[in-house]
């Protein structure tokens, strides 16, 4: 019997043998009747330590404290748009991708005078 990966073939006729469900010592070929010794690969369980595959991202995720620089913090931009509440003609805004990548961003507006907030889906 010859084994290629998980496929097992008869040594006499080359027929693909049925899987050895009962894990018997021999598998009988349904074509020629030859008793073939089961040499198929057995179940192998492997494990590795996290240090075996070092990753900068994994190290950052496992840290309890995440440092943020000033460039990581959210900053607002200014736009000429009228506030619905107080009529101020200048608004602060920022955008975020909250929905699927093929959909538009969500724009968050804040009035610097009265603090009124709202958002629009782009």
N, C-alpha and C. Protein backbone atom coordinates (compact mmCIF):
# COMPACT_ATOMS: atom_id res chain seq x y z
N UNK A 1 0.85 -1.18 0.00
CA UNK A 1 0.00 0.00 0.00
C UNK A 1 0.89 1.23 0.00
N UNK A 2 0.51 2.23 -0.73
CA UNK A 2 1.24 3.48 -0.78
C UNK A 2 0.34 4.60 -0.28
N UNK A 3 0.90 5.52 0.48
CA UNK A 3 0.13 6.64 1.01
C UNK A 3 0.71 7.94 0.49
N UNK A 4 -0.16 8.79 -0.04
CA UNK A 4 0.23 10.13 -0.48
C UNK A 4 -0.67 11.08 0.29
N UNK A 5 -0.10 11.74 1.30
CA UNK A 5 -0.90 12.59 2.17
C UNK A 5 -1.92 11.74 2.89
N UNK A 6 -3.21 12.04 2.73
CA UNK A 6 -4.25 11.25 3.37
C UNK A 6 -4.85 10.23 2.40
N UNK A 7 -4.37 10.20 1.14
CA UNK A 7 -4.86 9.23 0.15
C UNK A 7 -4.04 7.95 0.26
N UNK A 8 -4.73 6.79 0.25
CA UNK A 8 -4.06 5.49 0.39
C UNK A 8 -4.41 4.65 -0.83
N UNK A 9 -3.37 4.06 -1.49
CA UNK A 9 -3.56 3.28 -2.70
C UNK A 9 -3.12 1.84 -2.48
N UNK A 10 -3.76 0.91 -3.20
CA UNK A 10 -3.41 -0.51 -3.16
C UNK A 10 -2.06 -0.71 -3.83
N UNK A 11 -1.21 -1.55 -3.22
CA UNK A 11 0.13 -1.79 -3.77
C UNK A 11 0.07 -2.72 -4.98
N UNK A 12 -0.99 -3.52 -5.11
CA UNK A 12 -1.08 -4.45 -6.25
C UNK A 12 -1.69 -3.80 -7.48
N UNK A 13 -2.87 -3.18 -7.33
CA UNK A 13 -3.57 -2.65 -8.50
C UNK A 13 -3.57 -1.13 -8.59
N UNK A 14 -3.18 -0.41 -7.53
CA UNK A 14 -3.14 1.05 -7.55
C UNK A 14 -4.47 1.71 -7.27
N UNK A 15 -5.48 0.94 -6.89
CA UNK A 15 -6.81 1.48 -6.60
C UNK A 15 -6.76 2.37 -5.35
N UNK A 16 -7.56 3.44 -5.37
CA UNK A 16 -7.69 4.29 -4.20
C UNK A 16 -8.50 3.54 -3.15
N UNK A 17 -7.92 3.32 -1.97
CA UNK A 17 -8.58 2.55 -0.93
C UNK A 17 -9.51 3.42 -0.10
N UNK A 18 -10.56 2.79 0.43
CA UNK A 18 -11.49 3.49 1.31
C UNK A 18 -10.76 3.91 2.57
N UNK A 19 -11.25 4.96 3.22
CA UNK A 19 -10.61 5.40 4.45
C UNK A 19 -10.80 4.35 5.54
N UNK A 20 -9.84 4.26 6.41
CA UNK A 20 -9.84 3.26 7.48
C UNK A 20 -10.55 3.84 8.70
N UNK A 21 -11.89 3.78 8.67
CA UNK A 21 -12.69 4.38 9.73
C UNK A 21 -12.48 3.67 11.07
N UNK A 22 -12.44 2.33 11.05
CA UNK A 22 -12.28 1.56 12.28
C UNK A 22 -10.85 1.47 12.76
N UNK A 23 -9.92 2.05 12.04
CA UNK A 23 -8.48 2.02 12.36
C UNK A 23 -7.99 0.58 12.55
N UNK A 24 -8.35 -0.26 11.58
CA UNK A 24 -7.87 -1.64 11.59
C UNK A 24 -6.46 -1.66 11.04
N UNK A 25 -5.71 -2.76 11.30
CA UNK A 25 -4.32 -2.87 10.85
C UNK A 25 -4.24 -2.99 9.33
N UNK A 26 -5.25 -3.62 8.69
CA UNK A 26 -5.23 -3.82 7.25
C UNK A 26 -6.51 -3.29 6.61
N UNK A 27 -6.36 -2.78 5.37
CA UNK A 27 -7.50 -2.31 4.59
C UNK A 27 -7.58 -3.21 3.36
N UNK A 28 -8.79 -3.76 3.09
CA UNK A 28 -8.96 -4.64 1.94
C UNK A 28 -9.32 -3.82 0.71
N UNK A 29 -8.64 -4.11 -0.41
CA UNK A 29 -8.92 -3.45 -1.68
C UNK A 29 -10.20 -4.04 -2.25
N UNK A 30 -11.18 -3.20 -2.62
CA UNK A 30 -12.46 -3.68 -3.15
C UNK A 30 -12.32 -4.16 -4.59
N UNK A 31 -11.24 -3.80 -5.29
CA UNK A 31 -11.06 -4.20 -6.68
C UNK A 31 -10.38 -5.56 -6.78
N UNK A 32 -9.21 -5.73 -6.10
CA UNK A 32 -8.46 -6.97 -6.25
C UNK A 32 -8.47 -7.84 -4.99
N UNK A 33 -8.97 -7.33 -3.87
CA UNK A 33 -9.07 -8.12 -2.65
C UNK A 33 -7.79 -8.20 -1.83
N UNK A 34 -6.74 -7.53 -2.22
CA UNK A 34 -5.47 -7.57 -1.49
C UNK A 34 -5.62 -6.89 -0.13
N UNK A 35 -5.02 -7.50 0.88
CA UNK A 35 -4.99 -6.91 2.21
C UNK A 35 -3.78 -5.97 2.26
N UNK A 36 -4.04 -4.69 2.47
CA UNK A 36 -2.97 -3.68 2.50
C UNK A 36 -2.81 -3.16 3.92
N UNK A 37 -1.55 -3.11 4.36
CA UNK A 37 -1.28 -2.57 5.69
C UNK A 37 -1.58 -1.08 5.70
N UNK A 38 -2.23 -0.61 6.78
CA UNK A 38 -2.59 0.81 6.89
C UNK A 38 -1.36 1.61 7.28
N UNK A 39 -0.81 2.34 6.31
CA UNK A 39 0.36 3.19 6.58
C UNK A 39 0.01 4.67 6.41
N UNK A 40 -1.29 4.95 6.39
CA UNK A 40 -1.70 6.34 6.22
C UNK A 40 -1.28 7.16 7.43
N UNK A 41 -1.17 8.42 7.22
CA UNK A 41 -0.74 9.30 8.30
C UNK A 41 -1.78 9.32 9.41
N UNK A 42 -1.32 9.28 10.61
CA UNK A 42 -2.19 9.35 11.78
C UNK A 42 -2.42 10.80 12.15
N UNK A 43 -3.29 11.05 13.11
CA UNK A 43 -3.56 12.41 13.56
C UNK A 43 -2.35 12.93 14.31
N UNK A 44 -1.87 14.08 13.90
CA UNK A 44 -0.72 14.71 14.53
C UNK A 44 -1.17 16.05 15.08
N UNK A 45 -0.92 16.28 16.35
CA UNK A 45 -1.27 17.55 16.97
C UNK A 45 0.03 18.27 17.29
N UNK A 46 0.14 19.50 16.81
CA UNK A 46 1.32 20.30 17.09
C UNK A 46 0.93 21.54 17.86
N UNK A 47 1.86 22.06 18.60
CA UNK A 47 1.63 23.32 19.30
C UNK A 47 2.93 24.11 19.27
N UNK A 48 2.79 25.39 19.36
CA UNK A 48 3.97 26.26 19.37
C UNK A 48 3.76 27.37 20.37
N UNK A 49 4.85 27.88 20.84
CA UNK A 49 4.80 28.99 21.79
C UNK A 49 4.59 30.28 21.01
N UNK A 50 3.92 31.26 21.61
CA UNK A 50 3.75 32.54 20.91
C UNK A 50 5.08 33.18 20.54
N UNK A 51 6.13 32.88 21.27
CA UNK A 51 7.43 33.47 20.97
C UNK A 51 8.06 32.86 19.72
N UNK A 52 7.50 31.73 19.22
CA UNK A 52 8.05 31.10 18.03
C UNK A 52 7.81 31.95 16.79
N UNK A 53 6.76 32.76 16.79
CA UNK A 53 6.44 33.63 15.67
C UNK A 53 6.29 35.05 16.18
N UNK A 54 7.40 35.77 16.35
CA UNK A 54 7.32 37.12 16.91
C UNK A 54 6.54 38.06 16.00
N UNK A 55 5.77 38.93 16.62
CA UNK A 55 4.96 39.87 15.86
C UNK A 55 4.86 41.18 16.64
N UNK A 56 5.16 42.27 15.97
CA UNK A 56 5.05 43.58 16.60
C UNK A 56 3.60 43.87 16.95
N UNK A 57 2.67 43.51 16.05
CA UNK A 57 1.25 43.75 16.29
C UNK A 57 0.77 42.95 17.49
N UNK A 58 1.14 41.67 17.59
CA UNK A 58 0.72 40.84 18.72
C UNK A 58 1.25 41.43 20.03
N UNK A 59 2.46 41.94 20.02
CA UNK A 59 3.03 42.54 21.22
C UNK A 59 2.24 43.77 21.63
N UNK A 60 1.83 44.59 20.67
CA UNK A 60 1.05 45.79 20.98
C UNK A 60 -0.31 45.42 21.55
N UNK A 61 -0.96 44.38 20.99
CA UNK A 61 -2.29 43.99 21.43
C UNK A 61 -2.29 43.39 22.83
N UNK A 62 -1.21 42.76 23.23
CA UNK A 62 -1.14 42.13 24.54
C UNK A 62 -0.76 43.10 25.65
N UNK A 63 -0.34 44.27 25.29
CA UNK A 63 0.06 45.26 26.27
C UNK A 63 -1.17 45.81 26.99
N UNK A 64 -1.06 46.04 28.28
CA UNK A 64 -2.18 46.58 29.06
C UNK A 64 -2.35 48.08 28.82
N UNK A 65 -1.25 48.75 28.55
CA UNK A 65 -1.29 50.20 28.37
C UNK A 65 -0.99 50.51 26.91
N UNK A 66 -1.87 51.26 26.28
CA UNK A 66 -1.66 51.67 24.90
C UNK A 66 -1.31 53.15 24.88
N UNK A 67 -0.15 53.46 24.36
CA UNK A 67 0.28 54.85 24.28
C UNK A 67 -0.27 55.48 23.01
N UNK A 68 -0.74 56.71 23.14
CA UNK A 68 -1.24 57.45 21.98
C UNK A 68 -0.44 58.73 21.83
N UNK A 69 -0.04 58.98 20.62
CA UNK A 69 0.65 60.23 20.36
C UNK A 69 -0.40 61.28 19.97
N UNK A 70 0.02 62.50 19.85
CA UNK A 70 -0.91 63.57 19.50
C UNK A 70 -1.47 63.37 18.10
N UNK A 71 -0.67 62.75 17.21
CA UNK A 71 -1.14 62.51 15.84
C UNK A 71 -2.20 61.41 15.79
N UNK A 72 -2.25 60.53 16.81
CA UNK A 72 -3.26 59.48 16.87
C UNK A 72 -4.62 60.01 17.30
N UNK A 73 -4.63 61.14 17.99
CA UNK A 73 -5.88 61.67 18.51
C UNK A 73 -6.70 62.31 17.40
N UNK A 74 -7.99 62.25 17.59
CA UNK A 74 -8.92 62.78 16.61
C UNK A 74 -8.88 64.31 16.62
N UNK A 75 -8.75 64.91 15.46
CA UNK A 75 -8.76 66.37 15.36
C UNK A 75 -9.87 66.79 14.43
N UNK A 76 -10.45 67.93 14.72
CA UNK A 76 -11.55 68.45 13.92
C UNK A 76 -11.03 69.44 12.89
N UNK A 77 -11.79 69.58 11.83
CA UNK A 77 -11.53 70.60 10.81
C UNK A 77 -12.69 71.59 10.85
N UNK A 78 -12.51 72.71 10.22
CA UNK A 78 -13.55 73.74 10.21
C UNK A 78 -14.14 73.86 8.81
N UNK A 79 -15.46 74.07 8.78
CA UNK A 79 -16.17 74.19 7.51
C UNK A 79 -17.20 75.31 7.62
N UNK A 80 -17.49 75.96 6.48
CA UNK A 80 -18.53 77.00 6.48
C UNK A 80 -19.88 76.32 6.28
N UNK A 81 -20.58 76.12 7.38
CA UNK A 81 -21.92 75.55 7.37
C UNK A 81 -22.67 76.14 8.55
N UNK A 82 -23.95 76.38 8.37
CA UNK A 82 -24.74 77.04 9.41
C UNK A 82 -25.26 76.04 10.42
N UNK A 83 -25.14 76.39 11.69
CA UNK A 83 -25.66 75.56 12.77
C UNK A 83 -27.18 75.61 12.76
N UNK A 84 -27.81 74.45 12.89
CA UNK A 84 -29.27 74.37 12.88
C UNK A 84 -29.88 75.02 14.12
N UNK A 85 -29.12 75.07 15.20
CA UNK A 85 -29.67 75.53 16.48
C UNK A 85 -29.45 77.03 16.71
N UNK A 86 -28.19 77.49 16.56
CA UNK A 86 -27.91 78.89 16.92
C UNK A 86 -27.60 79.78 15.71
N UNK A 87 -27.42 79.19 14.52
CA UNK A 87 -27.18 79.99 13.32
C UNK A 87 -25.72 80.34 13.09
N UNK A 88 -24.81 79.86 13.90
CA UNK A 88 -23.38 80.12 13.70
C UNK A 88 -23.00 79.63 12.30
N UNK A 89 -22.17 80.40 11.57
CA UNK A 89 -21.88 80.05 10.18
C UNK A 89 -20.62 79.20 10.00
N UNK A 90 -19.99 78.80 11.08
CA UNK A 90 -18.79 77.97 10.99
C UNK A 90 -18.93 76.77 11.91
N UNK A 91 -18.68 75.57 11.38
CA UNK A 91 -18.83 74.33 12.15
C UNK A 91 -17.50 73.58 12.19
N UNK A 92 -17.32 72.80 13.23
CA UNK A 92 -16.17 71.89 13.31
C UNK A 92 -16.69 70.51 12.93
N UNK A 93 -15.87 69.72 12.22
CA UNK A 93 -16.33 68.39 11.80
C UNK A 93 -15.17 67.42 11.72
N UNK A 94 -15.52 66.14 11.73
CA UNK A 94 -14.58 65.06 11.44
C UNK A 94 -15.37 63.94 10.80
N UNK A 95 -14.68 63.05 10.09
CA UNK A 95 -15.34 61.93 9.42
C UNK A 95 -14.81 60.61 9.96
N UNK A 96 -15.66 59.59 9.91
CA UNK A 96 -15.27 58.23 10.29
C UNK A 96 -15.95 57.24 9.36
N UNK A 97 -15.27 56.15 9.06
CA UNK A 97 -15.84 55.07 8.25
C UNK A 97 -16.50 54.08 9.19
N UNK A 98 -17.81 54.19 9.36
CA UNK A 98 -18.54 53.35 10.31
C UNK A 98 -19.26 52.19 9.62
N UNK A 99 -19.53 52.33 8.34
CA UNK A 99 -20.26 51.30 7.60
C UNK A 99 -19.29 50.55 6.71
N UNK A 100 -19.80 49.74 5.81
CA UNK A 100 -18.97 48.95 4.91
C UNK A 100 -18.03 49.84 4.11
N UNK A 101 -16.95 49.25 3.63
CA UNK A 101 -15.94 50.02 2.89
C UNK A 101 -16.49 50.57 1.59
N UNK A 102 -17.52 49.93 1.02
CA UNK A 102 -18.07 50.42 -0.23
C UNK A 102 -19.15 51.49 -0.03
N UNK A 103 -19.40 51.87 1.21
CA UNK A 103 -20.35 52.93 1.52
C UNK A 103 -19.59 54.17 1.99
N UNK A 104 -20.26 55.29 1.99
CA UNK A 104 -19.62 56.55 2.35
C UNK A 104 -19.29 56.67 3.83
N UNK A 105 -18.58 57.73 4.16
CA UNK A 105 -18.21 57.98 5.55
C UNK A 105 -19.34 58.69 6.28
N UNK A 106 -19.25 58.73 7.61
CA UNK A 106 -20.19 59.48 8.42
C UNK A 106 -19.49 60.76 8.86
N UNK A 107 -20.16 61.89 8.68
CA UNK A 107 -19.59 63.19 9.05
C UNK A 107 -20.23 63.64 10.36
N UNK A 108 -19.39 63.96 11.34
CA UNK A 108 -19.85 64.42 12.65
C UNK A 108 -19.58 65.91 12.76
N UNK A 109 -20.65 66.69 13.01
CA UNK A 109 -20.54 68.14 13.12
C UNK A 109 -20.71 68.57 14.58
N UNK A 110 -19.99 69.63 14.97
CA UNK A 110 -20.13 70.24 16.29
C UNK A 110 -20.06 71.75 16.13
N UNK A 111 -21.00 72.42 16.75
CA UNK A 111 -21.01 73.89 16.72
C UNK A 111 -20.07 74.39 17.81
N UNK A 112 -19.10 75.25 17.47
CA UNK A 112 -18.17 75.76 18.48
C UNK A 112 -18.82 76.76 19.44
N UNK A 113 -19.95 77.34 19.05
CA UNK A 113 -20.61 78.32 19.93
C UNK A 113 -21.54 77.66 20.92
N UNK A 114 -22.50 76.85 20.43
CA UNK A 114 -23.52 76.30 21.33
C UNK A 114 -23.28 74.82 21.68
N UNK A 115 -22.35 74.17 20.98
CA UNK A 115 -22.04 72.76 21.28
C UNK A 115 -23.02 71.77 20.67
N UNK A 116 -23.95 72.24 19.84
CA UNK A 116 -24.91 71.35 19.17
C UNK A 116 -24.17 70.36 18.28
N UNK A 117 -24.58 69.07 18.36
CA UNK A 117 -23.91 68.03 17.55
C UNK A 117 -24.93 67.29 16.71
N UNK A 118 -24.51 66.89 15.51
CA UNK A 118 -25.31 66.01 14.67
C UNK A 118 -24.37 65.36 13.67
N UNK A 119 -24.91 64.36 12.95
CA UNK A 119 -24.09 63.68 11.95
C UNK A 119 -24.90 63.44 10.68
N UNK A 120 -24.16 63.22 9.59
CA UNK A 120 -24.76 62.92 8.30
C UNK A 120 -24.01 61.74 7.69
N UNK A 121 -24.78 60.84 7.05
CA UNK A 121 -24.16 59.75 6.32
C UNK A 121 -23.89 60.22 4.91
N UNK A 122 -22.68 60.09 4.46
CA UNK A 122 -22.25 60.52 3.14
C UNK A 122 -22.59 59.49 2.11
